[in-house]
Amino acid sequence: MKILGRLTSDLGHDPPPILDRMKSEEVRAVIKASHALADAMEIPGTPGFALKGMMLRG
């Protein structure tokens, strides 16, 4: 978190609100939904791209 805080500050933003938001239940829910979608699409990791019905794995 220290590095993310520094990067946030370097970009001219106030780190605490952003870092707090990252830990929020709302963000956790989005990440959980993204993982579920990846599982359903059989995408085991990143990078993975779906393009015109084809799966491209990196």
N, C-alpha and C. Protein backbone atom coordinates (compact mmCIF):
# COMPACT_ATOMS: atom_id res chain seq x y z
N MET A 1 0.82 -1.19 0.00
CA MET A 1 0.00 0.00 0.00
C MET A 1 0.87 1.26 0.00
N LYS A 2 2.06 1.14 0.55
CA LYS A 2 2.95 2.29 0.62
C LYS A 2 3.28 2.80 -0.78
N ILE A 3 3.57 1.87 -1.69
CA ILE A 3 3.92 2.27 -3.06
C ILE A 3 2.71 2.89 -3.75
N LEU A 4 1.53 2.30 -3.58
CA LEU A 4 0.32 2.86 -4.19
C LEU A 4 0.04 4.26 -3.64
N GLY A 5 0.26 4.44 -2.35
CA GLY A 5 0.08 5.77 -1.76
C GLY A 5 1.02 6.79 -2.36
N ARG A 6 2.26 6.38 -2.56
CA ARG A 6 3.24 7.29 -3.15
C ARG A 6 2.88 7.62 -4.60
N LEU A 7 2.47 6.60 -5.36
CA LEU A 7 2.08 6.85 -6.75
C LEU A 7 0.87 7.78 -6.83
N THR A 8 -0.08 7.55 -5.95
CA THR A 8 -1.27 8.41 -5.90
C THR A 8 -0.88 9.84 -5.62
N SER A 9 0.00 10.02 -4.66
CA SER A 9 0.47 11.36 -4.30
C SER A 9 1.24 11.99 -5.46
N ASP A 10 2.08 11.19 -6.11
CA ASP A 10 2.85 11.70 -7.26
C ASP A 10 1.95 12.18 -8.39
N LEU A 11 0.76 11.59 -8.48
CA LEU A 11 -0.20 11.99 -9.51
C LEU A 11 -1.07 13.17 -9.08
N GLY A 12 -0.79 13.69 -7.87
CA GLY A 12 -1.48 14.89 -7.41
C GLY A 12 -2.77 14.63 -6.65
N HIS A 13 -2.95 13.40 -6.16
CA HIS A 13 -4.16 13.07 -5.43
C HIS A 13 -3.86 12.84 -3.96
N ASP A 14 -4.89 12.89 -3.14
CA ASP A 14 -4.76 12.65 -1.71
C ASP A 14 -4.89 11.14 -1.48
N PRO A 15 -3.82 10.46 -1.07
CA PRO A 15 -3.84 9.00 -0.97
C PRO A 15 -4.88 8.38 -0.03
N PRO A 16 -5.07 8.89 1.21
CA PRO A 16 -5.96 8.16 2.12
C PRO A 16 -7.36 7.85 1.59
N PRO A 17 -8.08 8.79 0.98
CA PRO A 17 -9.42 8.43 0.49
C PRO A 17 -9.39 7.35 -0.59
N ILE A 18 -8.39 7.41 -1.44
CA ILE A 18 -8.29 6.43 -2.52
C ILE A 18 -7.94 5.06 -1.96
N LEU A 19 -6.98 5.01 -1.06
CA LEU A 19 -6.59 3.74 -0.46
C LEU A 19 -7.73 3.15 0.36
N ASP A 20 -8.49 3.99 1.05
CA ASP A 20 -9.64 3.50 1.81
C ASP A 20 -10.70 2.92 0.87
N ARG A 21 -10.92 3.59 -0.23
CA ARG A 21 -11.92 3.11 -1.20
C ARG A 21 -11.53 1.76 -1.78
N MET A 22 -10.21 1.56 -1.99
CA MET A 22 -9.74 0.29 -2.52
C MET A 22 -10.11 -0.87 -1.59
N LYS A 23 -10.22 -0.60 -0.30
CA LYS A 23 -10.53 -1.63 0.68
C LYS A 23 -12.03 -1.77 0.92
N SER A 24 -12.84 -0.98 0.22
CA SER A 24 -14.29 -0.96 0.47
C SER A 24 -14.97 -2.24 -0.01
N GLU A 25 -16.12 -2.50 0.57
CA GLU A 25 -16.91 -3.67 0.18
C GLU A 25 -17.38 -3.55 -1.27
N GLU A 26 -17.63 -2.32 -1.72
CA GLU A 26 -18.06 -2.11 -3.12
C GLU A 26 -16.98 -2.57 -4.09
N VAL A 27 -15.74 -2.20 -3.83
CA VAL A 27 -14.64 -2.61 -4.70
C VAL A 27 -14.42 -4.11 -4.61
N ARG A 28 -14.50 -4.65 -3.41
CA ARG A 28 -14.35 -6.11 -3.24
C ARG A 28 -15.42 -6.87 -4.04
N ALA A 29 -16.64 -6.34 -4.08
CA ALA A 29 -17.73 -6.98 -4.83
C ALA A 29 -17.44 -6.96 -6.33
N VAL A 30 -16.91 -5.86 -6.84
CA VAL A 30 -16.57 -5.77 -8.26
C VAL A 30 -15.48 -6.78 -8.60
N ILE A 31 -14.47 -6.88 -7.76
CA ILE A 31 -13.38 -7.83 -8.00
C ILE A 31 -13.91 -9.26 -7.94
N LYS A 32 -14.78 -9.55 -6.98
CA LYS A 32 -15.36 -10.89 -6.86
C LYS A 32 -16.17 -11.23 -8.11
N ALA A 33 -16.95 -10.28 -8.61
CA ALA A 33 -17.75 -10.50 -9.82
C ALA A 33 -16.84 -10.72 -11.03
N SER A 34 -15.75 -9.99 -11.11
CA SER A 34 -14.80 -10.16 -12.21
C SER A 34 -14.16 -11.54 -12.18
N HIS A 35 -13.83 -12.01 -10.98
CA HIS A 35 -13.26 -13.36 -10.84
C HIS A 35 -14.28 -14.42 -11.26
N ALA A 36 -15.53 -14.24 -10.87
CA ALA A 36 -16.58 -15.19 -11.23
C ALA A 36 -16.77 -15.24 -12.74
N LEU A 37 -16.76 -14.08 -13.39
CA LEU A 37 -16.89 -14.02 -14.85
C LEU A 37 -15.71 -14.72 -15.51
N ALA A 38 -14.51 -14.46 -15.04
CA ALA A 38 -13.31 -15.11 -15.59
C ALA A 38 -13.41 -16.63 -15.42
N ASP A 39 -13.87 -17.08 -14.27
CA ASP A 39 -14.04 -18.52 -14.06
C ASP A 39 -15.05 -19.09 -15.04
N ALA A 40 -16.16 -18.40 -15.22
CA ALA A 40 -17.21 -18.87 -16.13
C ALA A 40 -16.71 -18.93 -17.57
N MET A 41 -15.80 -18.03 -17.93
CA MET A 41 -15.26 -17.98 -19.29
C MET A 41 -13.98 -18.82 -19.42
N GLU A 42 -13.64 -19.51 -18.31
CA GLU A 42 -12.44 -20.35 -18.28
C GLU A 42 -11.17 -19.57 -18.61
N ILE A 43 -11.09 -18.38 -18.05
CA ILE A 43 -9.89 -17.56 -18.19
C ILE A 43 -9.11 -17.72 -16.89
N PRO A 44 -8.00 -18.47 -16.92
CA PRO A 44 -7.29 -18.79 -15.69
C PRO A 44 -6.44 -17.67 -15.11
N GLY A 45 -6.12 -16.68 -15.87
CA GLY A 45 -5.27 -15.61 -15.36
C GLY A 45 -5.14 -14.49 -16.36
N THR A 46 -4.24 -13.59 -16.09
CA THR A 46 -4.03 -12.47 -16.98
C THR A 46 -2.68 -12.61 -17.66
N PRO A 47 -2.50 -12.06 -18.82
CA PRO A 47 -3.55 -11.42 -19.60
C PRO A 47 -4.40 -12.45 -20.33
N GLY A 48 -5.64 -12.14 -20.50
CA GLY A 48 -6.55 -12.94 -21.29
C GLY A 48 -7.52 -12.01 -21.99
N PHE A 49 -7.75 -12.26 -23.26
CA PHE A 49 -8.61 -11.37 -24.04
C PHE A 49 -9.63 -12.20 -24.79
N ALA A 50 -10.87 -11.73 -24.84
CA ALA A 50 -11.91 -12.34 -25.66
C ALA A 50 -12.10 -11.43 -26.85
N LEU A 51 -11.87 -11.97 -28.05
CA LEU A 51 -11.94 -11.16 -29.26
C LEU A 51 -12.68 -11.94 -30.34
N LYS A 52 -13.82 -11.44 -30.75
CA LYS A 52 -14.64 -12.06 -31.80
C LYS A 52 -14.87 -13.54 -31.53
N GLY A 53 -15.23 -13.85 -30.28
CA GLY A 53 -15.54 -15.23 -29.93
C GLY A 53 -14.36 -16.13 -29.69
N MET A 54 -13.16 -15.58 -29.78
CA MET A 54 -11.95 -16.37 -29.55
C MET A 54 -11.27 -15.90 -28.26
N MET A 55 -10.64 -16.84 -27.57
CA MET A 55 -9.88 -16.49 -26.38
C MET A 55 -8.41 -16.40 -26.75
N LEU A 56 -7.80 -15.29 -26.42
CA LEU A 56 -6.37 -15.10 -26.63
C LEU A 56 -5.71 -15.04 -25.27
N ARG A 57 -4.78 -15.92 -25.03
CA ARG A 57 -4.10 -15.95 -23.75
C ARG A 57 -2.68 -15.43 -23.91
N GLY A 58 -2.26 -14.70 -22.91
CA GLY A 58 -0.91 -14.11 -22.96
C GLY A 58 0.08 -14.94 -22.20
